[in-house]
Amino acid sequence: MKNTNNHDERIAKMVFASVYPHYLTKIEKKGRTKEELHRVIEWLTGYDEMKLQELIQEKVTFETFFQHASLNPNAALITGVICGYRVEAIENPLTQQARYLDKLVDELAKGRKMEKILRVA
C-alpha cells in the first residue's frame, strides 16, 4: 500500500475516542483486559489512566493525542506489518505513531506476552 497525504490527514483528524472502543472490543474478544490495553497505551504514550480518560472525554484527534504524548524511546523497536503497512517504513511520524499503537493492540489481541509487547529486554 502506498502512503498518501490524504491518508495521513485522515489519521490526523480521526478522533481517538472513536477508535478506542474498537481496540477494547478487539482485545476483550481474545480474552485480554482493559487494564492490559491501558498498560500498552501507557507504555507507548506515557498517558496514565486518568489522562487517558480525560483525552477520551475531550474527544481529541490522533494528532493532538500524539502531540502531547511522551513516546517511549523503545517505540522504534515496533516492527512488522499492520493494516497493510510496514510500520518501520512509514515516513509520516504521526501515521507511524498511530500504526505503532495499532500494532501493539494487534499483538495484545493475538495473545503475545506482555514482556514482548512492551519490548522488555
Protein backbone atom coordinates (compact mmCIF):
# COMPACT_ATOMS: atom_id res chain seq x y z
CA MET A 1 0.00 0.00 0.00
CA LYS A 2 1.10 3.49 -0.71
CA ASN A 3 1.30 6.24 1.91
CA THR A 4 -0.51 9.34 0.72
CA ASN A 5 -1.04 12.80 2.16
CA ASN A 6 -4.78 12.13 2.15
CA HIS A 7 -4.27 9.00 4.25
CA ASP A 8 -2.00 10.86 6.70
CA GLU A 9 -4.53 13.70 7.04
CA ARG A 10 -7.36 11.24 7.65
CA ILE A 11 -5.44 9.60 10.50
CA ALA A 12 -4.52 13.00 11.98
CA LYS A 13 -8.19 14.04 12.07
CA MET A 14 -9.56 10.78 13.46
CA VAL A 15 -10.87 11.12 17.00
CA PHE A 16 -9.10 8.79 19.40
CA ALA A 17 -12.33 8.24 21.38
CA SER A 18 -13.99 6.85 18.25
CA VAL A 19 -11.25 4.23 17.75
CA TYR A 20 -10.68 3.30 21.40
CA PRO A 21 -13.87 1.17 21.72
CA HIS A 22 -12.72 -0.87 18.71
CA TYR A 23 -9.35 -1.51 20.39
CA LEU A 24 -11.16 -2.59 23.55
CA THR A 25 -13.57 -4.90 21.72
CA LYS A 26 -10.74 -6.46 19.73
CA ILE A 27 -8.66 -7.37 22.76
CA GLU A 28 -11.56 -8.41 25.00
CA LYS A 29 -12.81 -10.84 22.32
CA LYS A 30 -9.44 -12.55 22.65
CA GLY A 31 -9.55 -12.74 26.45
CA ARG A 32 -7.35 -9.73 27.23
CA THR A 33 -8.37 -6.97 29.64
CA LYS A 34 -8.94 -3.25 29.57
CA GLU A 35 -6.12 -2.93 32.13
CA GLU A 36 -3.72 -4.65 29.72
CA LEU A 37 -4.81 -2.32 26.92
CA HIS A 38 -4.21 0.70 29.15
CA ARG A 39 -0.80 -0.65 30.14
CA VAL A 40 0.16 -0.91 26.46
CA ILE A 41 -1.14 2.60 25.72
CA GLU A 42 0.71 3.99 28.74
CA TRP A 43 3.94 2.27 27.69
CA LEU A 44 3.74 3.84 24.23
CA THR A 45 2.44 7.30 25.14
CA GLY A 46 3.15 7.90 28.83
CA TYR A 47 -0.58 8.53 29.47
CA ASP A 48 -1.80 7.14 32.77
CA GLU A 49 -5.40 6.01 33.34
CA MET A 50 -6.62 9.46 34.39
CA LYS A 51 -5.03 11.29 31.46
CA LEU A 52 -6.28 8.67 29.00
CA GLN A 53 -9.86 9.07 30.25
CA GLU A 54 -9.50 12.86 30.01
CA LEU A 55 -8.34 12.63 26.38
CA ILE A 56 -11.21 10.27 25.54
CA GLN A 57 -13.75 12.65 27.11
CA GLU A 58 -12.24 15.63 25.28
CA LYS A 59 -12.55 13.71 22.00
CA VAL A 60 -9.04 14.66 20.90
CA THR A 61 -7.80 13.79 17.43
CA PHE A 62 -4.90 11.40 16.90
CA GLU A 63 -2.83 14.46 16.03
CA THR A 64 -3.45 16.01 19.46
CA PHE A 65 -3.21 12.62 21.17
CA PHE A 66 0.31 12.02 19.90
CA GLN A 67 1.46 15.68 20.04
CA HIS A 68 1.14 15.61 23.83
CA ALA A 69 2.40 12.05 24.29
CA SER A 70 5.84 11.16 25.62
CA LEU A 71 6.60 8.46 23.09
CA ASN A 72 8.53 5.56 24.58
CA PRO A 73 12.15 5.56 23.38
CA ASN A 74 11.77 1.86 22.52
CA ALA A 75 8.83 2.53 20.18
CA ALA A 76 11.25 2.26 17.27
CA LEU A 77 11.58 -1.44 18.15
CA ILE A 78 7.98 -1.95 16.99
CA THR A 79 8.23 -3.57 13.58
CA GLY A 80 6.08 -5.60 11.25
CA VAL A 81 3.00 -5.14 9.11
CA ILE A 82 -0.27 -3.64 10.30
CA CYS A 83 -3.15 -2.57 8.07
CA GLY A 84 -1.01 -3.37 5.04
CA TYR A 85 1.82 -1.07 6.10
CA ARG A 86 5.29 -1.96 7.34
CA VAL A 87 5.38 0.28 10.43
CA GLU A 88 9.12 0.86 10.40
CA ALA A 89 8.91 2.18 6.80
CA ILE A 90 6.13 4.74 7.35
CA GLU A 91 7.56 8.19 6.68
CA ASN A 92 4.93 10.43 8.30
CA PRO A 93 5.71 10.49 12.07
CA LEU A 94 2.06 10.81 13.17
CA THR A 95 0.89 8.00 10.91
CA GLN A 96 3.77 5.85 12.16
CA GLN A 97 2.85 6.52 15.79
CA ALA A 98 -0.81 5.64 15.14
CA ARG A 99 0.31 2.42 13.45
CA TYR A 100 2.62 1.66 16.40
CA LEU A 101 -0.47 1.75 18.59
CA ASP A 102 -2.42 -0.41 16.14
CA LYS A 103 0.44 -2.93 16.10
CA LEU A 104 0.62 -3.11 19.89
CA VAL A 105 -3.15 -3.63 20.13
CA ASP A 106 -2.90 -6.34 17.48
CA GLU A 107 -0.10 -8.10 19.37
CA LEU A 108 -2.16 -7.93 22.58
CA ALA A 109 -5.17 -9.43 20.80
CA LYS A 110 -3.01 -12.20 19.33
CA GLY A 111 -2.02 -13.30 22.83
CA ARG A 112 1.59 -12.16 22.75
CA LYS A 113 3.24 -11.98 26.16
CA MET A 114 3.21 -8.52 27.74
CA GLU A 115 7.02 -8.51 28.11
CA LYS A 116 7.38 -8.95 24.34
CA ILE A 117 4.71 -6.34 23.54
CA LEU A 118 6.43 -3.82 25.80
CA ARG A 119 9.82 -4.64 24.23
CA VAL A 120 11.38 -5.62 27.56
CA ALA A 121 14.93 -6.83 27.06
